[in-house]
Structure formats: structure tokens, C-alpha cells
Amino acid sequence: MMNDDHILALKLATAQELETIRRLSFKVNDVLRDYFATRKIDLVDFKLEFGRFTNGQLLLADEISPDTCRFWEQGTKKKLDKDR
């Protein structure tokens, strides 16, 4: 696992880019949480992967699936993901 200090020390991203990644991650969380809530599913957690285009621009490149997220049925907490 890497934290912000590792990323900055290795010059993998700037502080401004880390803030952009953080902002985008929270935005994705809000959208997904609301989407799944209307379907009576709790989004427990998920992962996102960021990279770069060849020109250096940040890129959010990931999928949303039962393999990359944990979903629980609202009320019962029944697992609806790969951890079933």
C-alpha cells in the first residue's frame, strides 16, 4: 500500500494531482452510493485506479463490478459480490 507521502516522494503525482484524485474519488462514491441505494444495495467499498494518458493527463480507468466492489443487500446485509 502507498500513501500520499510515498506518492509525493516517488514523484508519481503532485499534491495538486492527489487533490484531484481525492475529489474525483469522492464524486464517484457519491454517484455510486446513490445509484445502488435506489436499488436497495449498500455499496460497502470499492477501488479506483488512476493512471496517465501519454501526454501526462490524469486518467480514471477502472470498472465497477462485483469483483472490484463489495455490495450488501440493504436490511439483510446479504453479500452480493465475489465474497459470497
PDB file of N, CA and C in Angstrom:
ATOM      1  N   MET A   1       0.833  -1.183   0.000  1.00  0.00           N
ATOM      2  CA  MET A   1       0.000   0.000   0.000  1.00  0.00           C
ATOM      3  C   MET A   1       0.875   1.243   0.000  1.00  0.00           C
ATOM      4  N   MET A   2       0.365   2.244  -0.662  1.00  0.00           N
ATOM      5  CA  MET A   2       1.079   3.512  -0.725  1.00  0.00           C
ATOM      6  C   MET A   2       0.177   4.605  -0.171  1.00  0.00           C
ATOM      7  N   ASN A   3       0.795   5.552   0.501  1.00  0.00           N
ATOM      8  CA  ASN A   3       0.034   6.707   0.947  1.00  0.00           C
ATOM      9  C   ASN A   3       0.521   7.940   0.189  1.00  0.00           C
ATOM     10  N   ASP A   4      -0.070   9.080   0.492  1.00  0.00           N
ATOM     11  CA  ASP A   4       0.280  10.306  -0.220  1.00  0.00           C
ATOM     12  C   ASP A   4       1.771  10.640  -0.106  1.00  0.00           C
ATOM     13  N   ASP A   5       2.354  10.406   1.060  1.00  0.00           N
ATOM     14  CA  ASP A   5       3.774  10.711   1.248  1.00  0.00           C
ATOM     15  C   ASP A   5       4.652   9.878   0.314  1.00  0.00           C
ATOM     16  N   HIS A   6       4.328   8.594   0.146  1.00  0.00           N
ATOM     17  CA  HIS A   6       5.078   7.747  -0.778  1.00  0.00           C
ATOM     18  C   HIS A   6       4.951   8.270  -2.210  1.00  0.00           C
ATOM     19  N   ILE A   7       3.725   8.604  -2.584  1.00  0.00           N
ATOM     20  CA  ILE A   7       3.460   9.069  -3.951  1.00  0.00           C
ATOM     21  C   ILE A   7       4.226  10.348  -4.235  1.00  0.00           C
ATOM     22  N   LEU A   8       4.237  11.271  -3.286  1.00  0.00           N
ATOM     23  CA  LEU A   8       4.976  12.524  -3.467  1.00  0.00           C
ATOM     24  C   LEU A   8       6.476  12.280  -3.502  1.00  0.00           C
ATOM     25  N   ALA A   9       6.987  11.436  -2.618  1.00  0.00           N
ATOM     26  CA  ALA A   9       8.433  11.160  -2.571  1.00  0.00           C
ATOM     27  C   ALA A   9       8.911  10.492  -3.854  1.00  0.00           C
ATOM     28  N   LEU A  10       8.100   9.631  -4.432  1.00  0.00           N
ATOM     29  CA  LEU A  10       8.462   8.949  -5.672  1.00  0.00           C
ATOM     30  C   LEU A  10       8.115   9.767  -6.916  1.00  0.00           C
ATOM     31  N   LYS A  11       7.541  10.943  -6.682  1.00  0.00           N
ATOM     32  CA  LYS A  11       7.162  11.849  -7.780  1.00  0.00           C
ATOM     33  C   LYS A  11       6.203  11.186  -8.786  1.00  0.00           C
ATOM     34  N   LEU A  12       5.290  10.383  -8.245  1.00  0.00           N
ATOM     35  CA  LEU A  12       4.282   9.742  -9.076  1.00  0.00           C
ATOM     36  C   LEU A  12       3.116  10.679  -9.362  1.00  0.00           C
ATOM     37  N   ALA A  13       2.927  11.655  -8.485  1.00  0.00           N
ATOM     38  CA  ALA A  13       1.879  12.657  -8.654  1.00  0.00           C
ATOM     39  C   ALA A  13       2.248  13.869  -7.811  1.00  0.00           C
ATOM     40  N   THR A  14       1.692  15.000  -8.190  1.00  0.00           N
ATOM     41  CA  THR A  14       1.894  16.219  -7.411  1.00  0.00           C
ATOM     42  C   THR A  14       0.815  16.323  -6.344  1.00  0.00           C
ATOM     43  N   ALA A  15       1.001  17.239  -5.417  1.00  0.00           N
ATOM     44  CA  ALA A  15      -0.012  17.462  -4.387  1.00  0.00           C
ATOM     45  C   ALA A  15      -1.328  17.883  -5.035  1.00  0.00           C
ATOM     46  N   GLN A  16      -1.272  18.695  -6.063  1.00  0.00           N
ATOM     47  CA  GLN A  16      -2.481  19.124  -6.763  1.00  0.00           C
ATOM     48  C   GLN A  16      -3.168  17.930  -7.441  1.00  0.00           C
ATOM     49  N   GLU A  17      -2.398  17.039  -8.043  1.00  0.00           N
ATOM     50  CA  GLU A  17      -2.979  15.854  -8.672  1.00  0.00           C
ATOM     51  C   GLU A  17      -3.605  14.931  -7.630  1.00  0.00           C
ATOM     52  N   LEU A  18      -2.960  14.804  -6.482  1.00  0.00           N
ATOM     53  CA  LEU A  18      -3.552  13.990  -5.411  1.00  0.00           C
ATOM     54  C   LEU A  18      -4.878  14.572  -4.957  1.00  0.00           C
ATOM     55  N   GLU A  19      -4.969  15.884  -4.895  1.00  0.00           N
ATOM     56  CA  GLU A  19      -6.233  16.524  -4.524  1.00  0.00           C
ATOM     57  C   GLU A  19      -7.299  16.261  -5.589  1.00  0.00           C
ATOM     58  N   THR A  20      -6.916  16.299  -6.850  1.00  0.00           N
ATOM     59  CA  THR A  20      -7.846  15.987  -7.936  1.00  0.00           C
ATOM     60  C   THR A  20      -8.326  14.548  -7.825  1.00  0.00           C
ATOM     61  N   ILE A  21      -7.413  13.619  -7.565  1.00  0.00           N
ATOM     62  CA  ILE A  21      -7.770  12.207  -7.396  1.00  0.00           C
ATOM     63  C   ILE A  21      -8.730  12.044  -6.225  1.00  0.00           C
ATOM     64  N   ARG A  22      -8.455  12.724  -5.134  1.00  0.00           N
ATOM     65  CA  ARG A  22      -9.316  12.643  -3.947  1.00  0.00           C
ATOM     66  C   ARG A  22     -10.713  13.183  -4.274  1.00  0.00           C
ATOM     67  N   ARG A  23     -10.783  14.336  -4.946  1.00  0.00           N
ATOM     68  CA  ARG A  23     -12.064  14.954  -5.295  1.00  0.00           C
ATOM     69  C   ARG A  23     -12.875  14.044  -6.220  1.00  0.00           C
ATOM     70  N   LEU A  24     -12.207  13.483  -7.238  1.00  0.00           N
ATOM     71  CA  LEU A  24     -12.892  12.582  -8.163  1.00  0.00           C
ATOM     72  C   LEU A  24     -13.368  11.312  -7.460  1.00  0.00           C
ATOM     73  N   SER A  25     -12.566  10.803  -6.562  1.00  0.00           N
ATOM     74  CA  SER A  25     -12.942   9.591  -5.822  1.00  0.00           C
ATOM     75  C   SER A  25     -14.194   9.819  -4.991  1.00  0.00           C
ATOM     76  N   PHE A  26     -14.271  10.955  -4.307  1.00  0.00           N
ATOM     77  CA  PHE A  26     -15.465  11.270  -3.523  1.00  0.00           C
ATOM     78  C   PHE A  26     -16.677  11.463  -4.424  1.00  0.00           C
ATOM     79  N   LYS A  27     -16.473  12.067  -5.591  1.00  0.00           N
ATOM     80  CA  LYS A  27     -17.577  12.263  -6.529  1.00  0.00           C
ATOM     81  C   LYS A  27     -18.097  10.914  -7.030  1.00  0.00           C
ATOM     82  N   VAL A  28     -17.181  10.003  -7.400  1.00  0.00           N
ATOM     83  CA  VAL A  28     -17.585   8.662  -7.840  1.00  0.00           C
ATOM     84  C   VAL A  28     -18.334   7.956  -6.714  1.00  0.00           C
ATOM     85  N   ASN A  29     -17.840   8.073  -5.490  1.00  0.00           N
ATOM     86  CA  ASN A  29     -18.511   7.455  -4.346  1.00  0.00           C
ATOM     87  C   ASN A  29     -19.940   7.962  -4.211  1.00  0.00           C
ATOM     88  N   ASP A  30     -20.137   9.262  -4.309  1.00  0.00           N
ATOM     89  CA  ASP A  30     -21.477   9.840  -4.180  1.00  0.00           C
ATOM     90  C   ASP A  30     -22.418   9.303  -5.254  1.00  0.00           C
ATOM     91  N   VAL A  31     -21.949   9.269  -6.486  1.00  0.00           N
ATOM     92  CA  VAL A  31     -22.782   8.808  -7.601  1.00  0.00           C
ATOM     93  C   VAL A  31     -23.140   7.328  -7.425  1.00  0.00           C
ATOM     94  N   LEU A  32     -22.132   6.500  -7.138  1.00  0.00           N
ATOM     95  CA  LEU A  32     -22.384   5.066  -6.989  1.00  0.00           C
ATOM     96  C   LEU A  32     -23.266   4.754  -5.789  1.00  0.00           C
ATOM     97  N   ARG A  33     -22.999   5.414  -4.672  1.00  0.00           N
ATOM     98  CA  ARG A  33     -23.789   5.165  -3.459  1.00  0.00           C
ATOM     99  C   ARG A  33     -25.262   5.467  -3.725  1.00  0.00           C
ATOM    100  N   ASP A  34     -25.538   6.610  -4.354  1.00  0.00           N
ATOM    101  CA  ASP A  34     -26.922   6.977  -4.657  1.00  0.00           C
ATOM    102  C   ASP A  34     -27.552   6.012  -5.660  1.00  0.00           C
ATOM    103  N   TYR A  35     -26.796   5.628  -6.679  1.00  0.00           N
ATOM    104  CA  TYR A  35     -27.296   4.703  -7.697  1.00  0.00           C
ATOM    105  C   TYR A  35     -27.705   3.372  -7.072  1.00  0.00           C
ATOM    106  N   PHE A  36     -26.820   2.801  -6.271  1.00  0.00           N
ATOM    107  CA  PHE A  36     -27.112   1.500  -5.679  1.00  0.00           C
ATOM    108  C   PHE A  36     -28.173   1.597  -4.583  1.00  0.00           C
ATOM    109  N   ALA A  37     -28.252   2.704  -3.887  1.00  0.00           N
ATOM    110  CA  ALA A  37     -29.261   2.869  -2.834  1.00  0.00           C
ATOM    111  C   ALA A  37     -30.670   2.783  -3.411  1.00  0.00           C
ATOM    112  N   THR A  38     -30.872   3.304  -4.620  1.00  0.00           N
ATOM    113  CA  THR A  38     -32.199   3.217  -5.241  1.00  0.00           C
ATOM    114  C   THR A  38     -32.550   1.785  -5.608  1.00  0.00           C
ATOM    115  N   ARG A  39     -31.563   0.918  -5.591  1.00  0.00           N
ATOM    116  CA  ARG A  39     -31.761  -0.497  -5.906  1.00  0.00           C
ATOM    117  C   ARG A  39     -31.672  -1.367  -4.656  1.00  0.00           C
ATOM    118  N   LYS A  40     -31.733  -0.711  -3.497  1.00  0.00           N
ATOM    119  CA  LYS A  40     -31.715  -1.398  -2.192  1.00  0.00           C
ATOM    120  C   LYS A  40     -30.416  -2.175  -1.968  1.00  0.00           C
ATOM    121  N   ILE A  41     -29.311  -1.580  -2.426  1.00  0.00           N
ATOM    122  CA  ILE A  41     -27.986  -2.190  -2.267  1.00  0.00           C
ATOM    123  C   ILE A  41     -27.076  -1.188  -1.582  1.00  0.00           C
ATOM    124  N   ASP A  42     -26.350  -1.648  -0.553  1.00  0.00           N
ATOM    125  CA  ASP A  42     -25.335  -0.825   0.098  1.00  0.00           C
ATOM    126  C   ASP A  42     -24.001  -1.043  -0.604  1.00  0.00           C
ATOM    127  N   LEU A  43     -23.384   0.039  -1.009  1.00  0.00           N
ATOM    128  CA  LEU A  43     -22.027  -0.014  -1.549  1.00  0.00           C
ATOM    129  C   LEU A  43     -21.091   0.080  -0.355  1.00  0.00           C
ATOM    130  N   VAL A  44     -20.483  -1.037   0.009  1.00  0.00           N
ATOM    131  CA  VAL A  44     -19.649  -1.101   1.212  1.00  0.00           C
ATOM    132  C   VAL A  44     -18.284  -0.486   0.937  1.00  0.00           C
ATOM    133  N   ASP A  45     -17.654  -0.892  -0.136  1.00  0.00           N
ATOM    134  CA  ASP A  45     -16.401  -0.271  -0.554  1.00  0.00           C
ATOM    135  C   ASP A  45     -16.121  -0.629  -2.005  1.00  0.00           C
ATOM    136  N   PHE A  46     -15.136   0.066  -2.567  1.00  0.00           N
ATOM    137  CA  PHE A  46     -14.733  -0.167  -3.948  1.00  0.00           C
ATOM    138  C   PHE A  46     -13.337   0.385  -4.138  1.00  0.00           C
ATOM    139  N   LYS A  47     -12.742   0.048  -5.248  1.00  0.00           N
ATOM    140  CA  LYS A  47     -11.412   0.562  -5.558  1.00  0.00           C
ATOM    141  C   LYS A  47     -11.475   1.321  -6.873  1.00  0.00           C
ATOM    142  N   LEU A  48     -10.583   2.273  -7.001  1.00  0.00           N
ATOM    143  CA  LEU A  48     -10.425   3.012  -8.249  1.00  0.00           C
ATOM    144  C   LEU A  48      -8.958   2.994  -8.621  1.00  0.00           C
ATOM    145  N   GLU A  49      -8.694   2.954  -9.897  1.00  0.00           N
ATOM    146  CA  GLU A  49      -7.315   3.021 -10.385  1.00  0.00           C
ATOM    147  C   GLU A  49      -7.161   4.242 -11.272  1.00  0.00           C
ATOM    148  N   PHE A  50      -6.122   4.988 -11.006  1.00  0.00           N
ATOM    149  CA  PHE A  50      -5.807   6.167 -11.801  1.00  0.00           C
ATOM    150  C   PHE A  50      -4.496   5.924 -12.528  1.00  0.00           C
ATOM    151  N   GLY A  51      -4.383   6.502 -13.687  1.00  0.00           N
ATOM    152  CA  GLY A  51      -3.160   6.410 -14.475  1.00  0.00           C
ATOM    153  C   GLY A  51      -2.964   7.708 -15.224  1.00  0.00           C
ATOM    154  N   ARG A  52      -2.249   7.614 -16.328  1.00  0.00           N
ATOM    155  CA  ARG A  52      -1.975   8.799 -17.139  1.00  0.00           C
ATOM    156  C   ARG A  52      -2.099   8.462 -18.614  1.00  0.00           C
ATOM    157  N   PHE A  53      -2.587   9.439 -19.374  1.00  0.00           N
ATOM    158  CA  PHE A  53      -2.502   9.361 -20.823  1.00  0.00           C
ATOM    159  C   PHE A  53      -1.043   9.581 -21.203  1.00  0.00           C
ATOM    160  N   THR A  54      -0.706   9.323 -22.452  1.00  0.00           N
ATOM    161  CA  THR A  54       0.683   9.523 -22.904  1.00  0.00           C
ATOM    162  C   THR A  54       1.118  10.978 -22.788  1.00  0.00           C
ATOM    163  N   ASN A  55       0.149  11.918 -22.778  1.00  0.00           N
ATOM    164  CA  ASN A  55       0.506  13.334 -22.633  1.00  0.00           C
ATOM    165  C   ASN A  55       0.640  13.753 -21.166  1.00  0.00           C
ATOM    166  N   GLY A  56       0.476  12.805 -20.231  1.00  0.00           N
ATOM    167  CA  GLY A  56       0.643  13.093 -18.811  1.00  0.00           C
ATOM    168  C   GLY A  56      -0.640  13.418 -18.070  1.00  0.00           C
ATOM    169  N   GLN A  57      -1.735  13.627 -18.785  1.00  0.00           N
ATOM    170  CA  GLN A  57      -3.019  13.954 -18.158  1.00  0.00           C
ATOM    171  C   GLN A  57      -3.517  12.776 -17.325  1.00  0.00           C
ATOM    172  N   LEU A  58      -4.074  13.084 -16.147  1.00  0.00           N
ATOM    173  CA  LEU A  58      -4.629  12.033 -15.280  1.00  0.00           C
ATOM    174  C   LEU A  58      -5.781  11.312 -15.962  1.00  0.00           C
ATOM    175  N   LEU A  59      -5.894  10.027 -15.658  1.00  0.00           N
ATOM    176  CA  LEU A  59      -6.909   9.172 -16.250  1.00  0.00           C
ATOM    177  C   LEU A  59      -7.498   8.296 -15.160  1.00  0.00           C
ATOM    178  N   LEU A  60      -8.822   8.286 -15.056  1.00  0.00           N
ATOM    179  CA  LEU A  60      -9.513   7.343 -14.192  1.00  0.00           C
ATOM    180  C   LEU A  60      -9.892   6.161 -15.061  1.00  0.00           C
ATOM    181  N   ALA A  61      -9.293   5.012 -14.780  1.00  0.00           N
ATOM    182  CA  ALA A  61      -9.503   3.845 -15.637  1.00  0.00           C
ATOM    183  C   ALA A  61      -9.778   2.640 -14.755  1.00  0.00           C
ATOM    184  N   ASP A  62     -11.039   2.346 -14.580  1.00  0.00           N
ATOM    185  CA  ASP A  62     -11.399   1.196 -13.761  1.00  0.00           C
ATOM    186  C   ASP A  62     -12.790   0.739 -14.147  1.00  0.00           C
ATOM    187  N   GLU A  63     -13.202  -0.340 -13.553  1.00  0.00           N
ATOM    188  CA  GLU A  63     -14.526  -0.889 -13.787  1.00  0.00           C
ATOM    189  C   GLU A  63     -15.274  -0.941 -12.465  1.00  0.00           C
ATOM    190  N   ILE A  64     -16.583  -0.961 -12.550  1.00  0.00           N
ATOM    191  CA  ILE A  64     -17.416  -1.160 -11.371  1.00  0.00           C
ATOM    192  C   ILE A  64     -18.104  -2.503 -11.569  1.00  0.00           C
ATOM    193  N   SER A  65     -17.741  -3.467 -10.732  1.00  0.00           N
ATOM    194  CA  SER A  65     -18.293  -4.818 -10.853  1.00  0.00           C
ATOM    195  C   SER A  65     -18.234  -5.503  -9.490  1.00  0.00           C
ATOM    196  N   PRO A  66     -18.894  -6.642  -9.343  1.00  0.00           N
ATOM    197  CA  PRO A  66     -18.805  -7.375  -8.078  1.00  0.00           C
ATOM    198  C   PRO A  66     -17.378  -7.839  -7.760  1.00  0.00           C
ATOM    199  N   ASP A  67     -16.479  -7.749  -8.727  1.00  0.00           N
ATOM    200  CA  ASP A  67     -15.091  -8.127  -8.493  1.00  0.00           C
ATOM    201  C   ASP A  67     -14.278  -6.978  -7.897  1.00  0.00           C
ATOM    202  N   THR A  68     -14.736  -5.747  -8.084  1.00  0.00           N
ATOM    203  CA  THR A  68     -13.967  -4.583  -7.618  1.00  0.00           C
ATOM    204  C   THR A  68     -14.680  -3.836  -6.492  1.00  0.00           C
ATOM    205  N   CYS A  69     -15.851  -4.308  -6.099  1.00  0.00           N
ATOM    206  CA  CYS A  69     -16.659  -3.653  -5.067  1.00  0.00           C
ATOM    207  C   CYS A  69     -17.201  -4.695  -4.101  1.00  0.00           C
ATOM    208  N   ARG A  70     -17.636  -4.203  -2.955  1.00  0.00           N
ATOM    209  CA  ARG A  70     -18.421  -5.051  -2.056  1.00  0.00           C
ATOM    210  C   ARG A  70     -19.813  -4.453  -1.968  1.00  0.00           C
ATOM    211  N   PHE A  71     -20.806  -5.294  -2.279  1.00  0.00           N
ATOM    212  CA  PHE A  71     -22.215  -4.905  -2.245  1.00  0.00           C
ATOM    213  C   PHE A  71     -22.937  -5.746  -1.207  1.00  0.00           C
ATOM    214  N   TRP A  72     -23.801  -5.104  -0.428  1.00  0.00           N
ATOM    215  CA  TRP A  72     -24.646  -5.815   0.517  1.00  0.00           C
ATOM    216  C   TRP A  72     -26.088  -5.410   0.280  1.00  0.00           C
ATOM    217  N   GLU A  73     -26.981  -6.368   0.398  1.00  0.00           N
ATOM    218  CA  GLU A  73     -28.404  -6.076   0.302  1.00  0.00           C
ATOM    219  C   GLU A  73     -28.820  -5.252   1.521  1.00  0.00           C
ATOM    220  N   GLN A  74     -29.527  -4.146   1.260  1.00  0.00           N
ATOM    221  CA  GLN A  74     -29.979  -3.307   2.371  1.00  0.00           C
ATOM    222  C   GLN A  74     -30.916  -4.096   3.271  1.00  0.00           C
ATOM    223  N   GLY A  75     -30.759  -3.918   4.561  1.00  0.00           N
ATOM    224  CA  GLY A  75     -31.630  -4.587   5.530  1.00  0.00           C
ATOM    225  C   GLY A  75     -31.097  -5.926   5.975  1.00  0.00           C
ATOM    226  N   THR A  76     -30.776  -6.809   5.032  1.00  0.00           N
ATOM    227  CA  THR A  76     -30.320  -8.159   5.407  1.00  0.00           C
ATOM    228  C   THR A  76     -28.803  -8.260   5.513  1.00  0.00           C
ATOM    229  N   LYS A  77     -28.093  -7.351   4.859  1.00  0.00           N
ATOM    230  CA  LYS A  77     -26.619  -7.377   4.779  1.00  0.00           C
ATOM    231  C   LYS A  77     -26.111  -8.612   4.020  1.00  0.00           C
ATOM    232  N   LYS A  78     -26.999  -9.242   3.257  1.00  0.00           N
ATOM    233  CA  LYS A  78     -26.605 -10.375   2.427  1.00  0.00           C
ATOM    234  C   LYS A  78     -25.582  -9.897   1.404  1.00  0.00           C
ATOM    235  N   LYS A  79     -24.484 -10.625   1.283  1.00  0.00           N
ATOM    236  CA  LYS A  79     -23.420 -10.241   0.365  1.00  0.00           C
ATOM    237  C   LYS A  79     -23.820 -10.522  -1.075  1.00  0.00           C
ATOM    238  N   LEU A  80     -23.608  -9.550  -1.933  1.00  0.00           N
ATOM    239  CA  LEU A  80     -23.988  -9.663  -3.340  1.00  0.00           C
ATOM    240  C   LEU A  80     -22.787  -9.548  -4.260  1.00  0.00           C
ATOM    241  N   ASP A  81     -21.624  -9.838  -3.743  1.00  0.00           N
ATOM    242  CA  ASP A  81     -20.395  -9.661  -4.516  1.00  0.00           C
ATOM    243  C   ASP A  81     -19.586 -10.951  -4.538  1.00  0.00           C
ATOM    244  N   LYS A  82     -18.336 -10.866  -4.938  1.00  0.00           N
ATOM    245  CA  LYS A  82     -17.488 -12.053  -5.068  1.00  0.00           C
ATOM    246  C   LYS A  82     -17.194 -12.736  -3.736  1.00  0.00           C
ATOM    247  N   ASP A  83     -17.413 -12.043  -2.613  1.00  0.00           N
ATOM    248  CA  ASP A  83     -17.118 -12.613  -1.290  1.00  0.00           C
ATOM    249  C   ASP A  83     -18.236 -13.499  -0.756  1.00  0.00           C
ATOM    250  N   ARG A  84     -19.270 -13.762  -1.565  1.00  0.00           N
ATOM    251  CA  ARG A  84     -20.404 -14.582  -1.137  1.00  0.00           C
ATOM    252  C   ARG A  84     -19.972 -15.961  -0.739  1.00  0.00           C
TER     253      ARG A  84
END
